[in-house]
Amino acid sequence: MVLTWLPGTVRGIKRRDWLRGCPQQFIDPQVFAARVPSWPGLLWMGRGFDWEARHAQEALDLIRLGPERFAPRDPARLGATWIHGLGGADAEITVLLAHTEGHLLIVGTTGCGKTRLFDLLVTQAVLRGDAVVILDPKGDRGLRAAAERACLLAGTPERFVSFHPAFPAASMRLDPLRNFQRATELASRVAALIPSETGNDPFKAFGHSARWSRASCR
């Protein structure tokens, strides 16, 4: 009877260990840059598992039982770490580059690792020699540093340029009037992109007033 129940008991112990979570894993940028050529035509997303219907059912069962019974919550770590244990041992997750030519949606709560995933995507794109344009209204310094580090890893630090109107000393120069003959054209072009219902919206009115102020100053 011991031999009969032993395999299932061992699997249960391993599953409980997985549910307790594992420490965060880090990879050296130089080591990562050396591994990128080994993924031709692929985009490396990290380590994990494909979420299937059985994982959703197991997660529901654990929530009903109380996952704290198997994986005590660590206040020093964000999120529900037991979710990572549902898939067992982690494997490398890759996606075909051809499948990312359209739009790619990445969702997650605050602090779950979205920006760190962007670090991986940006670094791989730069090392492949692709052009990367990042529009970041939040101004995340970590993402900016990752993009600059990726250019250094690729041996082309001059490729990194950034624009930020609040820090002109560290920003590239951008002339919004470069391709316009008159200063008034800029406000007209911007106002034309703003949808209007009445034709006398406040934002358009402000744009036109700024346009005339700019023209009069010149």
N, C-alpha and C. Protein backbone atom coordinates (compact mmCIF):
# COMPACT_ATOMS: atom_id res chain seq x y z
N MET A 1 0.82 -1.21 0.00
CA MET A 1 0.00 0.00 0.00
C MET A 1 0.86 1.26 0.00
N VAL A 2 1.99 1.19 0.71
CA VAL A 2 2.91 2.34 0.72
C VAL A 2 3.41 2.62 -0.67
N LEU A 3 3.83 1.58 -1.39
CA LEU A 3 4.33 1.77 -2.74
C LEU A 3 3.24 2.27 -3.68
N THR A 4 2.01 1.89 -3.42
CA THR A 4 0.89 2.32 -4.27
C THR A 4 0.60 3.80 -4.10
N TRP A 5 0.64 4.27 -2.84
CA TRP A 5 0.30 5.67 -2.57
C TRP A 5 1.51 6.60 -2.65
N LEU A 6 2.71 6.05 -2.71
CA LEU A 6 3.91 6.89 -2.69
C LEU A 6 4.00 7.87 -3.87
N PRO A 7 3.78 7.44 -5.13
CA PRO A 7 3.88 8.41 -6.26
C PRO A 7 2.93 9.58 -6.11
N GLY A 8 1.67 9.31 -5.72
CA GLY A 8 0.73 10.40 -5.55
C GLY A 8 1.11 11.32 -4.41
N THR A 9 1.67 10.74 -3.34
CA THR A 9 2.11 11.57 -2.23
C THR A 9 3.26 12.48 -2.63
N VAL A 10 4.19 11.95 -3.39
CA VAL A 10 5.33 12.76 -3.86
C VAL A 10 4.84 13.88 -4.75
N ARG A 11 3.90 13.57 -5.65
CA ARG A 11 3.35 14.63 -6.51
C ARG A 11 2.65 15.70 -5.69
N GLY A 12 1.92 15.29 -4.65
CA GLY A 12 1.25 16.27 -3.80
C GLY A 12 2.22 17.17 -3.07
N ILE A 13 3.33 16.59 -2.59
CA ILE A 13 4.35 17.39 -1.89
C ILE A 13 4.98 18.39 -2.85
N LYS A 14 5.29 17.93 -4.08
CA LYS A 14 5.87 18.84 -5.07
C LYS A 14 4.90 19.96 -5.41
N ARG A 15 3.62 19.61 -5.57
CA ARG A 15 2.63 20.64 -5.90
C ARG A 15 2.52 21.66 -4.77
N ARG A 16 2.56 21.21 -3.54
CA ARG A 16 2.50 22.15 -2.41
C ARG A 16 3.72 23.06 -2.40
N ASP A 17 4.88 22.51 -2.72
CA ASP A 17 6.09 23.34 -2.79
C ASP A 17 5.98 24.37 -3.89
N TRP A 18 5.42 23.97 -5.05
CA TRP A 18 5.24 24.91 -6.15
C TRP A 18 4.28 26.04 -5.76
N LEU A 19 3.23 25.68 -5.04
CA LEU A 19 2.24 26.69 -4.65
C LEU A 19 2.82 27.72 -3.69
N ARG A 20 3.85 27.36 -2.97
CA ARG A 20 4.49 28.33 -2.08
C ARG A 20 5.25 29.41 -2.85
N GLY A 21 5.41 29.20 -4.14
CA GLY A 21 6.08 30.20 -4.96
C GLY A 21 7.58 30.00 -4.97
N CYS A 22 8.23 30.77 -5.81
CA CYS A 22 9.68 30.70 -5.92
C CYS A 22 10.23 32.12 -5.93
N PRO A 23 11.47 32.29 -5.56
CA PRO A 23 12.04 33.65 -5.55
C PRO A 23 12.13 34.23 -6.95
N GLN A 24 12.16 35.55 -7.02
CA GLN A 24 12.29 36.22 -8.31
C GLN A 24 13.62 35.85 -8.97
N GLN A 25 13.56 35.70 -10.27
CA GLN A 25 14.74 35.33 -11.04
C GLN A 25 15.23 36.53 -11.84
N PHE A 26 16.53 36.69 -11.88
CA PHE A 26 17.14 37.79 -12.61
C PHE A 26 18.17 37.23 -13.59
N ILE A 27 18.36 37.93 -14.68
CA ILE A 27 19.33 37.53 -15.68
C ILE A 27 20.23 38.72 -16.00
N ASP A 28 21.52 38.48 -16.08
CA ASP A 28 22.48 39.54 -16.37
C ASP A 28 22.27 40.04 -17.80
N PRO A 29 22.31 41.37 -18.02
CA PRO A 29 22.09 41.89 -19.39
C PRO A 29 23.06 41.33 -20.41
N GLN A 30 24.32 41.15 -20.04
CA GLN A 30 25.29 40.60 -20.98
C GLN A 30 24.94 39.16 -21.35
N VAL A 31 24.53 38.38 -20.36
CA VAL A 31 24.13 36.99 -20.62
C VAL A 31 22.89 36.96 -21.50
N PHE A 32 21.95 37.85 -21.23
CA PHE A 32 20.72 37.90 -22.02
C PHE A 32 21.03 38.27 -23.47
N ALA A 33 21.91 39.26 -23.67
CA ALA A 33 22.27 39.67 -25.03
C ALA A 33 22.93 38.54 -25.80
N ALA A 34 23.70 37.71 -25.10
CA ALA A 34 24.36 36.59 -25.77
C ALA A 34 23.37 35.49 -26.14
N ARG A 35 22.23 35.42 -25.44
CA ARG A 35 21.25 34.38 -25.71
C ARG A 35 20.26 34.76 -26.80
N VAL A 36 20.10 36.05 -27.08
CA VAL A 36 19.11 36.49 -28.07
C VAL A 36 19.32 35.84 -29.44
N PRO A 37 20.57 35.73 -29.96
CA PRO A 37 20.72 35.08 -31.27
C PRO A 37 20.27 33.62 -31.30
N SER A 38 20.12 32.98 -30.15
CA SER A 38 19.68 31.58 -30.13
C SER A 38 18.18 31.45 -30.30
N TRP A 39 17.47 32.57 -30.43
CA TRP A 39 16.02 32.54 -30.63
C TRP A 39 15.68 33.17 -31.98
N PRO A 40 16.15 32.63 -33.10
CA PRO A 40 15.84 33.24 -34.40
C PRO A 40 14.36 33.13 -34.73
N GLY A 41 13.77 34.26 -35.10
CA GLY A 41 12.35 34.27 -35.44
C GLY A 41 11.42 34.14 -34.26
N LEU A 42 11.97 34.21 -33.04
CA LEU A 42 11.15 34.06 -31.84
C LEU A 42 11.31 35.26 -30.93
N LEU A 43 10.30 35.48 -30.12
CA LEU A 43 10.33 36.52 -29.10
C LEU A 43 10.25 35.84 -27.74
N TRP A 44 11.30 36.00 -26.94
CA TRP A 44 11.36 35.35 -25.63
C TRP A 44 10.58 36.19 -24.62
N MET A 45 9.59 35.56 -23.97
CA MET A 45 8.73 36.27 -23.04
C MET A 45 9.08 36.01 -21.58
N GLY A 46 9.94 35.06 -21.32
CA GLY A 46 10.32 34.73 -19.95
C GLY A 46 10.06 33.26 -19.66
N ARG A 47 9.89 32.96 -18.40
CA ARG A 47 9.62 31.58 -17.98
C ARG A 47 8.23 31.51 -17.36
N GLY A 48 7.51 30.46 -17.65
CA GLY A 48 6.16 30.31 -17.14
C GLY A 48 5.48 29.11 -17.76
N PHE A 49 4.18 29.21 -18.01
CA PHE A 49 3.42 28.11 -18.60
C PHE A 49 2.20 28.69 -19.30
N ASP A 50 1.69 27.94 -20.25
CA ASP A 50 0.48 28.33 -20.97
C ASP A 50 -0.74 28.10 -20.08
N TRP A 51 -1.55 29.13 -19.92
CA TRP A 51 -2.75 29.04 -19.07
C TRP A 51 -3.85 28.32 -19.83
N GLU A 52 -4.32 27.21 -19.25
CA GLU A 52 -5.35 26.40 -19.87
C GLU A 52 -6.59 26.34 -18.97
N ALA A 53 -7.62 25.66 -19.47
CA ALA A 53 -8.87 25.58 -18.72
C ALA A 53 -8.68 24.85 -17.39
N ARG A 54 -7.81 23.86 -17.36
CA ARG A 54 -7.61 23.13 -16.10
C ARG A 54 -6.97 24.01 -15.04
N HIS A 55 -6.13 24.96 -15.46
CA HIS A 55 -5.52 25.87 -14.50
C HIS A 55 -6.58 26.79 -13.90
N ALA A 56 -7.52 27.23 -14.73
CA ALA A 56 -8.60 28.07 -14.21
C ALA A 56 -9.45 27.31 -13.20
N GLN A 57 -9.71 26.02 -13.47
CA GLN A 57 -10.49 25.22 -12.54
C GLN A 57 -9.74 25.00 -11.24
N GLU A 58 -8.42 24.73 -11.34
CA GLU A 58 -7.62 24.53 -10.14
C GLU A 58 -7.54 25.81 -9.31
N ALA A 59 -7.42 26.95 -9.99
CA ALA A 59 -7.38 28.22 -9.26
C ALA A 59 -8.70 28.46 -8.53
N LEU A 60 -9.82 28.14 -9.19
CA LEU A 60 -11.13 28.32 -8.54
C LEU A 60 -11.27 27.41 -7.32
N ASP A 61 -10.80 26.16 -7.45
CA ASP A 61 -10.88 25.23 -6.32
C ASP A 61 -10.02 25.71 -5.16
N LEU A 62 -8.82 26.24 -5.45
CA LEU A 62 -7.95 26.73 -4.39
C LEU A 62 -8.54 27.95 -3.70
N ILE A 63 -9.15 28.82 -4.48
CA ILE A 63 -9.77 30.01 -3.88
C ILE A 63 -10.89 29.61 -2.93
N ARG A 64 -11.64 28.59 -3.31
CA ARG A 64 -12.73 28.13 -2.44
C ARG A 64 -12.18 27.53 -1.15
N LEU A 65 -11.06 26.79 -1.25
CA LEU A 65 -10.47 26.16 -0.07
C LEU A 65 -9.68 27.14 0.77
N GLY A 66 -9.16 28.19 0.10
CA GLY A 66 -8.28 29.12 0.79
C GLY A 66 -6.83 28.81 0.48
N PRO A 67 -6.22 29.51 -0.48
CA PRO A 67 -4.83 29.17 -0.85
C PRO A 67 -3.83 29.37 0.29
N GLU A 68 -4.18 30.16 1.33
CA GLU A 68 -3.27 30.38 2.43
C GLU A 68 -2.97 29.08 3.18
N ARG A 69 -3.84 28.08 3.06
CA ARG A 69 -3.59 26.80 3.71
C ARG A 69 -2.39 26.09 3.09
N PHE A 70 -2.15 26.33 1.80
CA PHE A 70 -1.06 25.67 1.10
C PHE A 70 0.11 26.61 0.83
N ALA A 71 -0.19 27.89 0.67
CA ALA A 71 0.84 28.88 0.34
C ALA A 71 0.61 30.11 1.20
N PRO A 72 1.20 30.18 2.39
CA PRO A 72 1.03 31.37 3.24
C PRO A 72 1.47 32.63 2.51
N ARG A 73 0.68 33.69 2.66
CA ARG A 73 0.97 34.95 1.97
C ARG A 73 2.20 35.62 2.56
N ASP A 74 3.08 36.06 1.68
CA ASP A 74 4.28 36.78 2.08
C ASP A 74 4.02 38.27 1.90
N PRO A 75 3.95 39.06 2.99
CA PRO A 75 3.65 40.49 2.84
C PRO A 75 4.72 41.26 2.09
N ALA A 76 5.91 40.68 1.97
CA ALA A 76 6.99 41.37 1.27
C ALA A 76 6.89 41.21 -0.25
N ARG A 77 5.97 40.36 -0.74
CA ARG A 77 5.85 40.11 -2.17
C ARG A 77 4.45 40.49 -2.64
N LEU A 78 4.39 41.06 -3.84
CA LEU A 78 3.12 41.49 -4.41
C LEU A 78 2.42 40.32 -5.10
N GLY A 79 1.11 40.40 -5.14
CA GLY A 79 0.34 39.44 -5.90
C GLY A 79 0.14 38.11 -5.20
N ALA A 80 -0.56 37.21 -5.88
CA ALA A 80 -0.82 35.87 -5.39
C ALA A 80 0.24 34.94 -5.97
N THR A 81 1.27 34.67 -5.20
CA THR A 81 2.41 33.89 -5.71
C THR A 81 2.02 32.44 -6.00
N TRP A 82 0.93 31.94 -5.42
CA TRP A 82 0.55 30.55 -5.63
C TRP A 82 0.09 30.28 -7.06
N ILE A 83 -0.28 31.36 -7.78
CA ILE A 83 -0.72 31.17 -9.17
C ILE A 83 0.40 30.58 -10.01
N HIS A 84 1.65 30.97 -9.72
CA HIS A 84 2.77 30.46 -10.52
C HIS A 84 2.97 28.96 -10.32
N GLY A 85 2.51 28.43 -9.18
CA GLY A 85 2.68 27.01 -8.93
C GLY A 85 1.66 26.12 -9.60
N LEU A 86 0.63 26.69 -10.20
CA LEU A 86 -0.40 25.87 -10.85
C LEU A 86 0.14 25.13 -12.06
N GLY A 87 1.15 25.70 -12.70
CA GLY A 87 1.70 25.07 -13.90
C GLY A 87 2.83 24.12 -13.63
N GLY A 88 3.20 23.95 -12.36
CA GLY A 88 4.33 23.08 -12.05
C GLY A 88 5.64 23.75 -12.37
N ALA A 89 6.58 22.99 -12.90
CA ALA A 89 7.89 23.53 -13.24
C ALA A 89 7.77 24.50 -14.41
N ASP A 90 8.43 25.66 -14.31
CA ASP A 90 8.37 26.67 -15.37
C ASP A 90 9.16 26.21 -16.59
N ALA A 91 8.72 26.66 -17.74
CA ALA A 91 9.42 26.42 -19.00
C ALA A 91 9.58 27.75 -19.72
N GLU A 92 10.49 27.80 -20.67
CA GLU A 92 10.71 29.03 -21.43
C GLU A 92 9.54 29.25 -22.39
N ILE A 93 9.02 30.47 -22.38
CA ILE A 93 7.88 30.84 -23.21
C ILE A 93 8.37 31.72 -24.35
N THR A 94 8.11 31.30 -25.58
CA THR A 94 8.49 32.06 -26.77
C THR A 94 7.27 32.23 -27.66
N VAL A 95 7.29 33.31 -28.44
CA VAL A 95 6.21 33.62 -29.37
C VAL A 95 6.84 33.90 -30.73
N LEU A 96 6.21 33.42 -31.78
CA LEU A 96 6.71 33.70 -33.12
C LEU A 96 6.64 35.20 -33.40
N LEU A 97 7.72 35.74 -33.95
CA LEU A 97 7.73 37.17 -34.27
C LEU A 97 6.64 37.52 -35.27
N ALA A 98 6.31 36.57 -36.14
CA ALA A 98 5.27 36.83 -37.14
C ALA A 98 3.92 37.07 -36.48
N HIS A 99 3.72 36.54 -35.27
CA HIS A 99 2.45 36.72 -34.57
C HIS A 99 2.38 38.05 -33.84
N THR A 100 3.45 38.80 -33.80
CA THR A 100 3.47 40.09 -33.10
C THR A 100 3.48 41.27 -34.07
N GLU A 101 3.28 41.00 -35.36
CA GLU A 101 3.31 42.08 -36.34
C GLU A 101 2.09 42.99 -36.22
N GLY A 102 1.02 42.50 -35.66
CA GLY A 102 -0.16 43.34 -35.44
C GLY A 102 -0.07 44.01 -34.09
N HIS A 103 -1.22 44.12 -33.43
CA HIS A 103 -1.27 44.75 -32.11
C HIS A 103 -1.11 43.68 -31.04
N LEU A 104 -0.44 44.05 -29.98
CA LEU A 104 -0.21 43.15 -28.85
C LEU A 104 -0.67 43.86 -27.58
N LEU A 105 -1.61 43.24 -26.87
CA LEU A 105 -2.17 43.83 -25.65
C LEU A 105 -1.57 43.14 -24.44
N ILE A 106 -1.03 43.93 -23.51
CA ILE A 106 -0.46 43.42 -22.27
C ILE A 106 -1.21 44.09 -21.12
N VAL A 107 -1.85 43.30 -20.29
CA VAL A 107 -2.64 43.84 -19.19
C VAL A 107 -2.14 43.24 -17.88
N GLY A 108 -2.36 43.95 -16.80
CA GLY A 108 -1.96 43.47 -15.49
C GLY A 108 -2.10 44.58 -14.46
N THR A 109 -2.20 44.20 -13.21
CA THR A 109 -2.35 45.17 -12.15
C THR A 109 -1.03 45.87 -11.87
N THR A 110 -1.06 46.90 -11.04
CA THR A 110 0.14 47.67 -10.73
C THR A 110 1.15 46.78 -10.01
N GLY A 111 2.39 46.83 -10.50
CA GLY A 111 3.46 46.09 -9.86
C GLY A 111 3.57 44.63 -10.26
N CYS A 112 2.81 44.20 -11.28
CA CYS A 112 2.85 42.78 -11.65
C CYS A 112 3.97 42.46 -12.63
N GLY A 113 4.63 43.50 -13.20
CA GLY A 113 5.77 43.23 -14.08
C GLY A 113 5.58 43.62 -15.53
N LYS A 114 4.60 44.47 -15.83
CA LYS A 114 4.38 44.89 -17.23
C LYS A 114 5.60 45.64 -17.77
N THR A 115 6.13 46.57 -16.98
CA THR A 115 7.27 47.36 -17.45
C THR A 115 8.49 46.48 -17.64
N ARG A 116 8.68 45.49 -16.77
CA ARG A 116 9.82 44.58 -16.92
C ARG A 116 9.67 43.74 -18.19
N LEU A 117 8.43 43.40 -18.54
CA LEU A 117 8.21 42.70 -19.80
C LEU A 117 8.55 43.61 -20.97
N PHE A 118 8.19 44.90 -20.87
CA PHE A 118 8.57 45.85 -21.91
C PHE A 118 10.09 45.93 -22.05
N ASP A 119 10.79 45.83 -20.92
CA ASP A 119 12.26 45.82 -20.98
C ASP A 119 12.76 44.68 -21.87
N LEU A 120 12.17 43.49 -21.70
CA LEU A 120 12.57 42.35 -22.51
C LEU A 120 12.25 42.58 -23.99
N LEU A 121 11.05 43.09 -24.25
CA LEU A 121 10.65 43.30 -25.65
C LEU A 121 11.53 44.35 -26.33
N VAL A 122 11.77 45.46 -25.62
CA VAL A 122 12.58 46.53 -26.20
C VAL A 122 14.02 46.07 -26.42
N THR A 123 14.58 45.37 -25.44
CA THR A 123 15.96 44.91 -25.56
C THR A 123 16.12 43.96 -26.73
N GLN A 124 15.20 43.03 -26.89
CA GLN A 124 15.30 42.09 -28.00
C GLN A 124 15.15 42.79 -29.34
N ALA A 125 14.24 43.77 -29.42
CA ALA A 125 14.05 44.49 -30.68
C ALA A 125 15.29 45.27 -31.05
N VAL A 126 15.92 45.93 -30.08
CA VAL A 126 17.13 46.70 -30.35
C VAL A 126 18.27 45.78 -30.78
N LEU A 127 18.42 44.64 -30.10
CA LEU A 127 19.49 43.71 -30.46
C LEU A 127 19.26 43.07 -31.83
N ARG A 128 18.00 43.01 -32.28
CA ARG A 128 17.72 42.51 -33.63
C ARG A 128 17.98 43.58 -34.68
N GLY A 129 18.19 44.82 -34.25
CA GLY A 129 18.40 45.91 -35.19
C GLY A 129 17.14 46.60 -35.62
N ASP A 130 16.02 46.34 -34.95
CA ASP A 130 14.75 46.97 -35.29
C ASP A 130 14.71 48.40 -34.75
N ALA A 131 13.89 49.23 -35.40
CA ALA A 131 13.65 50.58 -34.90
C ALA A 131 12.58 50.52 -33.81
N VAL A 132 12.83 51.17 -32.70
CA VAL A 132 11.92 51.13 -31.55
C VAL A 132 11.54 52.56 -31.19
N VAL A 133 10.24 52.83 -31.13
CA VAL A 133 9.72 54.13 -30.72
C VAL A 133 8.86 53.90 -29.48
N ILE A 134 9.19 54.56 -28.37
CA ILE A 134 8.47 54.38 -27.11
C ILE A 134 7.76 55.69 -26.77
N LEU A 135 6.45 55.62 -26.62
CA LEU A 135 5.65 56.75 -26.17
C LEU A 135 5.21 56.45 -24.74
N ASP A 136 5.79 57.13 -23.79
CA ASP A 136 5.55 56.83 -22.38
C ASP A 136 5.09 58.09 -21.66
N PRO A 137 3.79 58.32 -21.56
CA PRO A 137 3.30 59.53 -20.87
C PRO A 137 3.69 59.57 -19.39
N LYS A 138 3.90 58.41 -18.77
CA LYS A 138 4.26 58.37 -17.36
C LYS A 138 5.72 58.76 -17.12
N GLY A 139 6.55 58.63 -18.13
CA GLY A 139 7.96 58.97 -17.97
C GLY A 139 8.69 58.01 -17.04
N ASP A 140 8.50 56.71 -17.25
CA ASP A 140 9.13 55.70 -16.40
C ASP A 140 10.65 55.72 -16.60
N ARG A 141 11.38 56.00 -15.54
CA ARG A 141 12.85 56.08 -15.66
C ARG A 141 13.47 54.72 -15.89
N GLY A 142 12.87 53.68 -15.30
CA GLY A 142 13.41 52.34 -15.49
C GLY A 142 13.31 51.89 -16.94
N LEU A 143 12.20 52.19 -17.60
CA LEU A 143 12.03 51.84 -19.00
C LEU A 143 13.01 52.62 -19.87
N ARG A 144 13.19 53.90 -19.55
CA ARG A 144 14.16 54.71 -20.30
C ARG A 144 15.57 54.16 -20.14
N ALA A 145 15.93 53.78 -18.92
CA ALA A 145 17.26 53.22 -18.68
C ALA A 145 17.44 51.89 -19.41
N ALA A 146 16.37 51.09 -19.47
CA ALA A 146 16.45 49.81 -20.16
C ALA A 146 16.67 50.01 -21.66
N ALA A 147 16.00 50.99 -22.24
CA ALA A 147 16.18 51.27 -23.67
C ALA A 147 17.60 51.76 -23.95
N GLU A 148 18.11 52.61 -23.08
CA GLU A 148 19.48 53.10 -23.26
C GLU A 148 20.48 51.96 -23.08
N ARG A 149 20.24 51.08 -22.11
CA ARG A 149 21.14 49.95 -21.89
C ARG A 149 21.11 49.00 -23.08
N ALA A 150 19.94 48.84 -23.71
CA ALA A 150 19.84 47.95 -24.87
C ALA A 150 20.70 48.47 -26.02
N CYS A 151 20.73 49.78 -26.21
CA CYS A 151 21.57 50.35 -27.26
C CYS A 151 23.05 50.13 -26.96
N LEU A 152 23.42 50.22 -25.69
CA LEU A 152 24.80 49.95 -25.30
C LEU A 152 25.16 48.48 -25.54
N LEU A 153 24.24 47.58 -25.22
CA LEU A 153 24.50 46.16 -25.44
C LEU A 153 24.66 45.85 -26.93
N ALA A 154 23.92 46.58 -27.76
CA ALA A 154 24.01 46.36 -29.21
C ALA A 154 25.24 47.00 -29.81
N GLY A 155 25.99 47.77 -29.02
CA GLY A 155 27.18 48.43 -29.54
C GLY A 155 26.88 49.68 -30.33
N THR A 156 25.66 50.21 -30.20
CA THR A 156 25.27 51.43 -30.93
C THR A 156 24.62 52.41 -29.97
N PRO A 157 25.40 52.97 -29.04
CA PRO A 157 24.79 53.90 -28.06
C PRO A 157 24.21 55.15 -28.70
N GLU A 158 24.68 55.51 -29.91
CA GLU A 158 24.18 56.72 -30.56
C GLU A 158 22.74 56.56 -31.04
N ARG A 159 22.23 55.35 -31.07
CA ARG A 159 20.86 55.13 -31.51
C ARG A 159 19.84 55.62 -30.49
N PHE A 160 20.26 55.75 -29.25
CA PHE A 160 19.30 56.15 -28.21
C PHE A 160 19.15 57.67 -28.18
N VAL A 161 17.95 58.14 -28.40
CA VAL A 161 17.61 59.56 -28.29
C VAL A 161 16.29 59.66 -27.54
N SER A 162 16.13 60.69 -26.76
CA SER A 162 14.90 60.87 -25.99
C SER A 162 14.46 62.32 -26.08
N PHE A 163 13.16 62.51 -25.93
CA PHE A 163 12.59 63.85 -25.95
C PHE A 163 11.72 64.04 -24.73
N HIS A 164 12.00 65.10 -23.98
CA HIS A 164 11.20 65.43 -22.80
C HIS A 164 11.24 66.94 -22.63
N PRO A 165 10.10 67.62 -22.79
CA PRO A 165 10.11 69.08 -22.72
C PRO A 165 10.48 69.62 -21.34
N ALA A 166 10.35 68.80 -20.29
CA ALA A 166 10.67 69.28 -18.95
C ALA A 166 12.16 69.25 -18.65
N PHE A 167 12.93 68.51 -19.46
CA PHE A 167 14.38 68.41 -19.23
C PHE A 167 15.10 68.70 -20.55
N PRO A 168 15.13 69.96 -20.96
CA PRO A 168 15.72 70.29 -22.26
C PRO A 168 17.21 70.01 -22.34
N ALA A 169 17.92 70.05 -21.19
CA ALA A 169 19.36 69.82 -21.23
C ALA A 169 19.69 68.38 -21.61
N ALA A 170 18.83 67.44 -21.25
CA ALA A 170 19.07 66.02 -21.55
C ALA A 170 18.19 65.52 -22.68
N SER A 171 17.50 66.41 -23.35
CA SER A 171 16.56 66.01 -24.38
C SER A 171 17.07 66.39 -25.76
N MET A 172 16.62 65.64 -26.75
CA MET A 172 16.92 66.02 -28.13
C MET A 172 16.11 67.25 -28.50
N ARG A 173 16.54 67.94 -29.52
CA ARG A 173 15.83 69.12 -29.98
C ARG A 173 14.78 68.72 -31.01
N LEU A 174 13.60 69.29 -30.83
CA LEU A 174 12.49 69.00 -31.73
C LEU A 174 11.82 70.31 -32.09
N ASP A 175 11.81 70.62 -33.38
CA ASP A 175 11.19 71.85 -33.86
C ASP A 175 9.83 71.52 -34.47
N PRO A 176 8.74 71.82 -33.78
CA PRO A 176 7.41 71.48 -34.32
C PRO A 176 7.04 72.31 -35.54
N LEU A 177 7.75 73.38 -35.81
CA LEU A 177 7.44 74.24 -36.95
C LEU A 177 8.36 73.97 -38.14
N ARG A 178 9.12 72.87 -38.07
CA ARG A 178 10.10 72.59 -39.11
C ARG A 178 9.46 72.46 -40.48
N ASN A 179 8.34 71.77 -40.56
CA ASN A 179 7.70 71.50 -41.85
C ASN A 179 6.51 72.40 -42.14
N PHE A 180 6.44 73.54 -41.45
CA PHE A 180 5.34 74.48 -41.65
C PHE A 180 5.91 75.83 -42.09
N GLN A 181 5.20 76.50 -42.97
CA GLN A 181 5.62 77.81 -43.45
C GLN A 181 5.26 78.91 -42.46
N ARG A 182 4.12 78.73 -41.76
CA ARG A 182 3.66 79.74 -40.80
C ARG A 182 3.36 79.08 -39.47
N ALA A 183 3.51 79.84 -38.41
CA ALA A 183 3.23 79.31 -37.07
C ALA A 183 1.76 78.98 -36.89
N THR A 184 0.89 79.67 -37.62
CA THR A 184 -0.55 79.43 -37.47
C THR A 184 -0.96 78.05 -37.99
N GLU A 185 -0.15 77.45 -38.87
CA GLU A 185 -0.52 76.15 -39.43
C GLU A 185 -0.51 75.06 -38.37
N LEU A 186 0.38 75.17 -37.40
CA LEU A 186 0.51 74.13 -36.39
C LEU A 186 -0.78 73.99 -35.59
N ALA A 187 -1.32 75.10 -35.10
CA ALA A 187 -2.57 75.05 -34.32
C ALA A 187 -3.73 74.57 -35.17
N SER A 188 -3.76 74.94 -36.44
CA SER A 188 -4.85 74.51 -37.31
C SER A 188 -4.80 72.99 -37.53
N ARG A 189 -3.59 72.47 -37.70
CA ARG A 189 -3.46 71.02 -37.90
C ARG A 189 -3.88 70.25 -36.66
N VAL A 190 -3.47 70.73 -35.48
CA VAL A 190 -3.84 70.06 -34.24
C VAL A 190 -5.34 70.16 -33.99
N ALA A 191 -5.94 71.33 -34.23
CA ALA A 191 -7.37 71.52 -34.01
C ALA A 191 -8.20 70.64 -34.94
N ALA A 192 -7.66 70.37 -36.14
CA ALA A 192 -8.41 69.54 -37.09
C ALA A 192 -8.50 68.10 -36.63
N LEU A 193 -7.59 67.66 -35.75
CA LEU A 193 -7.61 66.28 -35.26
C LEU A 193 -8.56 66.09 -34.09
N ILE A 194 -9.02 67.18 -33.49
CA ILE A 194 -9.89 67.09 -32.32
C ILE A 194 -11.34 66.98 -32.79
N PRO A 195 -12.04 65.91 -32.42
CA PRO A 195 -13.45 65.79 -32.84
C PRO A 195 -14.30 66.91 -32.24
N SER A 196 -15.23 67.37 -33.03
CA SER A 196 -16.07 68.48 -32.61
C SER A 196 -17.53 68.16 -32.87
N GLU A 197 -18.39 68.57 -31.95
CA GLU A 197 -19.83 68.39 -32.11
C GLU A 197 -20.53 69.71 -32.39
N THR A 198 -20.04 70.79 -31.80
CA THR A 198 -20.69 72.08 -31.96
C THR A 198 -19.89 73.04 -32.82
N GLY A 199 -18.61 72.73 -33.04
CA GLY A 199 -17.77 73.63 -33.81
C GLY A 199 -17.19 74.75 -32.98
N ASN A 200 -17.53 74.82 -31.70
CA ASN A 200 -17.03 75.89 -30.84
C ASN A 200 -16.57 75.29 -29.50
N ASP A 201 -15.82 74.19 -29.58
CA ASP A 201 -15.38 73.50 -28.38
C ASP A 201 -14.28 74.28 -27.67
N PRO A 202 -14.18 74.16 -26.35
CA PRO A 202 -13.17 74.94 -25.59
C PRO A 202 -11.75 74.64 -26.01
N PHE A 203 -11.43 73.35 -26.29
CA PHE A 203 -10.06 73.02 -26.65
C PHE A 203 -9.66 73.66 -27.98
N LYS A 204 -10.59 73.65 -28.92
CA LYS A 204 -10.28 74.28 -30.20
C LYS A 204 -10.14 75.79 -30.04
N ALA A 205 -11.02 76.37 -29.23
CA ALA A 205 -10.93 77.81 -29.00
C ALA A 205 -9.60 78.18 -28.36
N PHE A 206 -9.14 77.35 -27.41
CA PHE A 206 -7.86 77.62 -26.79
C PHE A 206 -6.72 77.49 -27.80
N GLY A 207 -6.82 76.47 -28.68
CA GLY A 207 -5.78 76.30 -29.69
C GLY A 207 -5.70 77.48 -30.62
N HIS A 208 -6.84 78.02 -31.02
CA HIS A 208 -6.83 79.17 -31.92
C HIS A 208 -6.29 80.40 -31.21
N SER A 209 -6.65 80.59 -29.92
CA SER A 209 -6.12 81.75 -29.20
C SER A 209 -4.61 81.64 -29.04
N ALA A 210 -4.12 80.41 -28.78
CA ALA A 210 -2.68 80.22 -28.68
C ALA A 210 -2.01 80.45 -30.03
N ARG A 211 -2.73 80.07 -31.09
CA ARG A 211 -2.18 80.28 -32.42
C ARG A 211 -1.99 81.76 -32.71
N TRP A 212 -3.00 82.57 -32.40
CA TRP A 212 -2.87 84.00 -32.68
C TRP A 212 -1.85 84.67 -31.76
N SER A 213 -1.74 84.15 -30.53
CA SER A 213 -0.72 84.70 -29.62
C SER A 213 0.66 84.41 -30.17
N ARG A 214 0.85 83.20 -30.69
CA ARG A 214 2.13 82.82 -31.24
C ARG A 214 2.44 83.67 -32.46
N ALA A 215 1.45 83.85 -33.31
CA ALA A 215 1.67 84.63 -34.52
C ALA A 215 1.99 86.07 -34.20
N SER A 216 1.30 86.65 -33.21
CA SER A 216 1.55 88.05 -32.88
C SER A 216 2.94 88.24 -32.27
N CYS A 217 3.38 87.21 -31.47
CA CYS A 217 4.72 87.33 -30.88
C CYS A 217 5.80 87.28 -31.94
N ARG A 218 5.58 86.53 -32.97
CA ARG A 218 6.58 86.46 -34.03
C ARG A 218 6.54 87.70 -34.88
